[in-house]
Amino acid sequence: MTEIDAQTIKQQNREDWDHAAPAWRKYDQNLRRGSEPLTRRLLEMAQIKPGQRVLDIASGTGEPGLPAAVIVGQSGSVLLTDQSQEMLAVAREKASAQGLRNVDFLVSDAQQLQLEPESFDAALCRGALQLMPDPIAVLRVAFDALKPGGRIALSIVGRLAANPYFTLPFVVLRKYASLPPYDPVVRGDPDHLRTILSTAGFRDLHFETLELIPMEFENGREYWEYSSGFSAAASVLSQIAADQHDRIGEEVAALAGGGNPNGKVALKSEALLASGIK
């Protein structure tokens, strides 16, 4: 991938996530409830403790950085970073509402983070590595920022077949637009993830798969309203003529509702988790 290609992808990702921020704000409670087991397990794998300094890469609306801030307490701190100013603004709102005063925020491309070497005890990255054009470069940034013996814990989307919550809209969308190719890291490939973590310098690697709580919706139309506001689906939808959107929405709603757009929806998802030590 050329530098021009990478910059184009980053710019598109930034615009997509800025656009998606209102949906993340609206559905924050549902999102936190559905991903709570994943967040909890990542914090355990990173061995977050009181008094630590923690780096959260691509924190988005503050998960898992804000829960980490609760654990480290006032004697510790968490730096939440994200390339999307709008997503991070939601994280700021949540931190304020939760009364957290041990968090800082930095709007930055993950690969361009300017961090003091060996200044963090742990690093976190939930669900974002597969979206980055150069994941090894990002992991090296985390490696350099960690103290010797510091831990990283991250997650990516698991096997596509085990993730209807994420993939269902694209079954329909791919009929109307070309979708970007998936990198192996997106498919929950532990061998590929092991390679990039090792290349970045991490050792004592550990991997596990976690099935998340099914996300439930009153009907297929609510699921489409929800999913179409998020970055990946919204980005593809923007390529399609507006007069096709209602048709696409009805197709997705019917598929999610088991053939009935008014049917109840409960969709599973799976994550691949990994941890390592500097």
Protein backbone atom coordinates (compact mmCIF):
# COMPACT_ATOMS: atom_id res chain seq x y z
CA MET A 1 0.00 0.00 0.00
CA THR A 2 1.40 3.39 -0.98
CA GLU A 3 1.57 6.35 1.39
CA ILE A 4 -1.06 8.11 -0.74
CA ASP A 5 -3.40 5.11 -0.43
CA ALA A 6 -2.87 4.96 3.34
CA GLN A 7 -3.57 8.67 3.76
CA THR A 8 -6.73 8.38 1.66
CA ILE A 9 -7.97 5.51 3.83
CA LYS A 10 -7.17 7.40 7.03
CA GLN A 11 -8.98 10.51 5.80
CA GLN A 12 -12.04 8.48 4.82
CA ASN A 13 -12.01 6.66 8.16
CA ARG A 14 -11.79 9.97 10.02
CA GLU A 15 -14.75 11.40 8.10
CA ASP A 16 -16.76 8.20 8.57
CA TRP A 17 -16.21 8.16 12.33
CA ASP A 18 -16.97 11.86 12.71
CA HIS A 19 -20.22 11.19 10.87
CA ALA A 20 -20.98 8.14 13.04
CA ALA A 21 -20.48 9.93 16.38
CA PRO A 22 -24.17 10.90 16.84
CA ALA A 23 -25.22 7.24 16.48
CA TRP A 24 -22.61 6.16 19.02
CA ARG A 25 -23.87 8.84 21.41
CA LYS A 26 -27.50 7.79 20.92
CA TYR A 27 -26.88 4.07 21.42
CA ASP A 28 -24.10 4.35 24.01
CA GLN A 29 -25.99 2.52 26.74
CA ASN A 30 -26.83 -0.43 24.47
CA LEU A 31 -23.29 -0.56 23.12
CA ARG A 32 -21.73 -0.56 26.57
CA ARG A 33 -24.09 -3.27 27.79
CA GLY A 34 -23.41 -5.49 24.78
CA SER A 35 -19.64 -5.07 24.93
CA GLU A 36 -19.25 -5.15 28.73
CA PRO A 37 -17.85 -8.72 28.83
CA LEU A 38 -15.29 -7.77 26.17
CA THR A 39 -14.24 -4.62 27.99
CA ARG A 40 -13.97 -6.47 31.31
CA ARG A 41 -11.84 -9.23 29.80
CA LEU A 42 -9.49 -6.77 28.06
CA LEU A 43 -8.89 -4.97 31.35
CA GLU A 44 -8.14 -8.31 32.99
CA MET A 45 -5.74 -9.34 30.23
CA ALA A 46 -3.92 -6.01 30.48
CA GLN A 47 -3.78 -6.47 34.27
CA ILE A 48 -4.96 -2.92 34.91
CA LYS A 49 -4.30 -1.90 38.53
CA PRO A 50 -4.69 1.17 40.74
CA GLY A 51 -2.02 3.79 40.17
CA GLN A 52 -1.13 2.76 36.62
CA ARG A 53 -0.81 4.99 33.58
CA VAL A 54 -2.82 3.52 30.69
CA LEU A 55 -2.89 4.29 26.96
CA ASP A 56 -6.13 3.65 25.06
CA ILE A 57 -5.53 3.66 21.29
CA ALA A 58 -8.52 4.49 19.05
CA SER A 59 -10.69 4.90 22.11
CA GLY A 60 -13.65 6.29 20.16
CA THR A 61 -16.36 7.15 22.67
CA GLY A 62 -14.18 6.07 25.60
CA GLU A 63 -14.30 2.30 25.78
CA PRO A 64 -12.37 0.65 27.35
CA GLY A 65 -10.42 3.73 28.47
CA LEU A 66 -13.06 5.12 30.82
CA PRO A 67 -13.61 1.80 32.66
CA ALA A 68 -9.81 1.59 32.96
CA ALA A 69 -9.82 5.04 34.56
CA VAL A 70 -12.20 3.79 37.24
CA ILE A 71 -9.76 1.00 38.12
CA VAL A 72 -6.54 3.04 38.16
CA GLY A 73 -8.18 5.66 40.37
CA GLN A 74 -6.92 9.12 41.18
CA SER A 75 -3.38 7.83 41.72
CA GLY A 76 -3.33 6.69 38.08
CA SER A 77 -4.32 8.15 34.73
CA VAL A 78 -5.59 7.16 31.28
CA LEU A 79 -4.86 8.83 27.95
CA LEU A 80 -7.70 8.39 25.46
CA THR A 81 -6.65 8.85 21.84
CA ASP A 82 -8.60 8.82 18.60
CA GLN A 83 -8.34 10.35 15.13
CA SER A 84 -12.02 11.39 15.25
CA GLN A 85 -12.56 14.61 17.16
CA GLU A 86 -16.32 13.99 17.22
CA MET A 87 -16.03 10.50 18.70
CA LEU A 88 -13.62 11.73 21.34
CA ALA A 89 -16.04 14.55 22.17
CA VAL A 90 -18.57 11.88 23.19
CA ALA A 91 -15.89 10.31 25.41
CA ARG A 92 -15.29 13.71 27.05
CA GLU A 93 -19.02 14.02 27.79
CA LYS A 94 -19.10 10.56 29.34
CA ALA A 95 -16.00 11.21 31.45
CA SER A 96 -17.55 14.41 32.76
CA ALA A 97 -20.86 12.69 33.51
CA GLN A 98 -19.01 9.95 35.40
CA GLY A 99 -16.95 12.45 37.36
CA LEU A 100 -13.65 11.08 36.06
CA ARG A 101 -10.81 13.57 36.48
CA ASN A 102 -7.89 11.23 35.79
CA VAL A 103 -8.35 11.10 32.01
CA ASP A 104 -6.73 13.10 29.22
CA PHE A 105 -7.73 13.25 25.55
CA LEU A 106 -5.62 13.45 22.42
CA VAL A 107 -6.97 13.75 18.86
CA SER A 108 -4.40 11.99 16.70
CA ASP A 109 -3.87 9.36 14.04
CA ALA A 110 -2.77 6.27 16.01
CA GLN A 111 0.32 5.85 13.87
CA GLN A 112 1.37 9.48 14.49
CA LEU A 113 0.97 9.54 18.27
CA GLN A 114 3.72 11.56 19.94
CA LEU A 115 4.24 9.84 23.29
CA GLU A 116 7.00 9.83 25.86
CA PRO A 117 8.94 6.55 25.52
CA GLU A 118 8.45 3.96 28.26
CA SER A 119 5.86 6.07 30.08
CA PHE A 120 2.80 3.75 30.19
CA ASP A 121 2.14 0.62 32.23
CA ALA A 122 -0.49 -0.79 29.85
CA ALA A 123 -2.01 -0.19 26.42
CA LEU A 124 -5.49 -1.03 25.16
CA CYS A 125 -7.06 -1.12 21.70
CA ARG A 126 -10.60 -2.45 21.30
CA GLY A 127 -11.95 -3.31 17.87
CA ALA A 128 -9.90 -0.81 15.86
CA LEU A 129 -6.69 -2.48 14.72
CA GLN A 130 -8.36 -4.08 11.69
CA LEU A 131 -9.35 -0.62 10.43
CA MET A 132 -5.79 0.71 10.32
CA PRO A 133 -3.76 0.67 7.07
CA ASP A 134 -0.53 -0.24 8.90
CA PRO A 135 -1.35 -2.15 12.11
CA ILE A 136 2.29 -3.08 12.74
CA ALA A 137 3.27 0.61 12.82
CA VAL A 138 0.51 1.28 15.36
CA LEU A 139 1.62 -1.65 17.51
CA ARG A 140 5.18 -0.33 17.43
CA VAL A 141 3.94 3.03 18.70
CA ALA A 142 2.31 1.20 21.62
CA PHE A 143 5.45 -0.90 22.19
CA ASP A 144 7.69 2.17 22.38
CA ALA A 145 5.30 3.93 24.78
CA LEU A 146 5.18 1.00 27.22
CA LYS A 147 7.56 0.53 30.10
CA PRO A 148 9.61 -2.70 30.06
CA GLY A 149 7.24 -5.42 31.21
CA GLY A 150 4.22 -3.34 30.22
CA ARG A 151 1.23 -5.14 28.76
CA ILE A 152 -0.96 -4.65 25.72
CA ALA A 153 -4.47 -6.08 25.36
CA LEU A 154 -6.50 -5.70 22.19
CA SER A 155 -9.43 -7.15 20.32
CA ILE A 156 -10.48 -7.44 16.70
CA VAL A 157 -13.63 -8.71 15.04
CA GLY A 158 -13.72 -12.50 15.12
CA ARG A 159 -14.68 -14.87 12.31
CA LEU A 160 -17.00 -13.19 9.83
CA ALA A 161 -19.35 -16.20 9.91
CA ALA A 162 -19.73 -15.74 13.68
CA ASN A 163 -20.52 -12.02 13.43
CA PRO A 164 -24.00 -11.49 11.93
CA TYR A 165 -24.36 -8.38 14.13
CA PHE A 166 -21.61 -6.73 12.08
CA THR A 167 -21.92 -8.45 8.72
CA LEU A 168 -25.66 -8.70 8.05
CA PRO A 169 -26.10 -5.24 6.43
CA PHE A 170 -23.27 -5.99 4.01
CA VAL A 171 -25.08 -9.06 2.67
CA VAL A 172 -27.52 -6.56 1.16
CA LEU A 173 -25.15 -3.64 0.57
CA ARG A 174 -22.79 -5.71 -1.56
CA LYS A 175 -25.60 -6.04 -4.12
CA TYR A 176 -25.59 -2.28 -4.61
CA ALA A 177 -21.95 -1.24 -4.17
CA SER A 178 -18.41 -2.59 -4.15
CA LEU A 179 -17.14 -3.33 -0.67
CA PRO A 180 -13.53 -2.90 0.42
CA PRO A 181 -11.50 -6.12 0.62
CA TYR A 182 -11.03 -7.59 4.08
CA ASP A 183 -7.53 -7.88 5.49
CA PRO A 184 -6.83 -11.22 7.20
CA VAL A 185 -6.68 -9.49 10.58
CA VAL A 186 -10.37 -8.63 10.22
CA ARG A 187 -11.34 -12.27 9.89
CA GLY A 188 -10.22 -13.13 13.39
CA ASP A 189 -7.07 -14.91 12.18
CA PRO A 190 -4.92 -15.58 15.29
CA ASP A 191 -1.90 -16.61 13.21
CA HIS A 192 -1.88 -13.28 11.36
CA LEU A 193 -2.41 -11.39 14.62
CA ARG A 194 0.43 -13.34 16.22
CA THR A 195 2.72 -12.37 13.36
CA ILE A 196 2.05 -8.64 13.56
CA LEU A 197 2.30 -8.56 17.36
CA SER A 198 5.60 -10.44 17.26
CA THR A 199 6.92 -8.20 14.50
CA ALA A 200 6.12 -5.16 16.66
CA GLY A 201 8.22 -6.69 19.46
CA PHE A 202 5.67 -8.20 21.85
CA ARG A 203 6.33 -11.53 23.60
CA ASP A 204 4.42 -14.04 25.74
CA LEU A 205 1.42 -13.71 23.46
CA HIS A 206 -1.97 -15.02 24.51
CA PHE A 207 -5.11 -15.37 22.38
CA GLU A 208 -8.71 -16.21 23.13
CA THR A 209 -12.11 -15.97 21.48
CA LEU A 210 -15.09 -14.42 23.20
CA GLU A 211 -18.74 -14.68 22.14
CA LEU A 212 -20.50 -11.47 23.08
CA ILE A 213 -24.00 -10.87 24.42
CA PRO A 214 -26.46 -10.86 21.47
CA MET A 215 -27.55 -7.35 20.52
CA GLU A 216 -31.34 -7.14 20.63
CA PHE A 217 -33.70 -4.82 18.74
CA GLU A 218 -37.46 -4.46 18.72
CA ASN A 219 -37.57 -5.14 14.99
CA GLY A 220 -35.51 -5.21 11.82
CA ARG A 221 -36.21 -1.57 11.03
CA GLU A 222 -34.75 -0.46 14.35
CA TYR A 223 -31.67 -2.57 13.62
CA TRP A 224 -31.25 -0.89 10.23
CA GLU A 225 -31.67 2.59 11.73
CA TYR A 226 -29.01 1.61 14.27
CA SER A 227 -26.51 -0.06 11.94
CA SER A 228 -26.82 2.46 9.09
CA GLY A 229 -25.61 5.22 11.39
CA PHE A 230 -22.27 3.54 12.04
CA SER A 231 -19.18 4.23 10.03
CA ALA A 232 -18.73 1.10 7.91
CA ALA A 233 -22.31 0.79 6.66
CA ALA A 234 -22.75 4.56 6.39
CA SER A 235 -19.62 4.81 4.25
CA VAL A 236 -20.89 2.20 1.77
CA LEU A 237 -24.39 3.69 1.79
CA SER A 238 -22.96 7.08 0.81
CA GLN A 239 -21.78 5.50 -2.47
CA ILE A 240 -25.32 4.44 -3.40
CA ALA A 241 -27.99 6.67 -4.95
CA ALA A 242 -30.34 8.09 -2.33
CA ASP A 243 -33.43 6.73 -4.08
CA GLN A 244 -32.14 3.20 -3.34
CA HIS A 245 -31.72 3.69 0.42
CA ASP A 246 -35.30 2.88 1.44
CA ARG A 247 -35.23 -0.34 -0.55
CA ILE A 248 -31.91 -1.33 1.01
CA GLY A 249 -33.24 -0.55 4.46
CA GLU A 250 -36.29 -2.77 3.95
CA GLU A 251 -34.11 -5.62 2.67
CA VAL A 252 -31.78 -5.40 5.66
CA ALA A 253 -34.72 -5.11 8.07
CA ALA A 254 -36.38 -8.19 6.60
CA LEU A 255 -33.14 -10.19 6.67
CA ALA A 256 -32.46 -9.22 10.29
CA GLY A 257 -36.05 -10.03 11.30
CA GLY A 258 -35.98 -13.52 9.82
CA GLY A 259 -37.99 -12.52 6.77
CA ASN A 260 -40.20 -10.01 8.59
CA PRO A 261 -38.95 -6.41 8.91
CA ASN A 262 -41.14 -6.09 12.02
CA GLY A 263 -39.74 -9.24 13.62
CA LYS A 264 -37.60 -9.11 16.76
CA VAL A 265 -33.85 -9.18 16.23
CA ALA A 266 -31.08 -10.79 18.30
CA LEU A 267 -27.70 -10.96 16.59
CA LYS A 268 -24.53 -12.57 17.91
CA SER A 269 -20.96 -11.38 17.53
CA GLU A 270 -17.54 -12.77 18.31
CA ALA A 271 -14.24 -11.11 19.14
CA LEU A 272 -10.66 -12.33 19.02
CA LEU A 273 -8.63 -11.04 21.95
CA ALA A 274 -4.87 -10.91 22.30
CA SER A 275 -2.37 -9.80 24.91
CA GLY A 276 1.40 -9.48 25.03
CA ILE A 277 4.27 -8.12 27.08
CA LYS A 278 7.05 -5.71 26.15
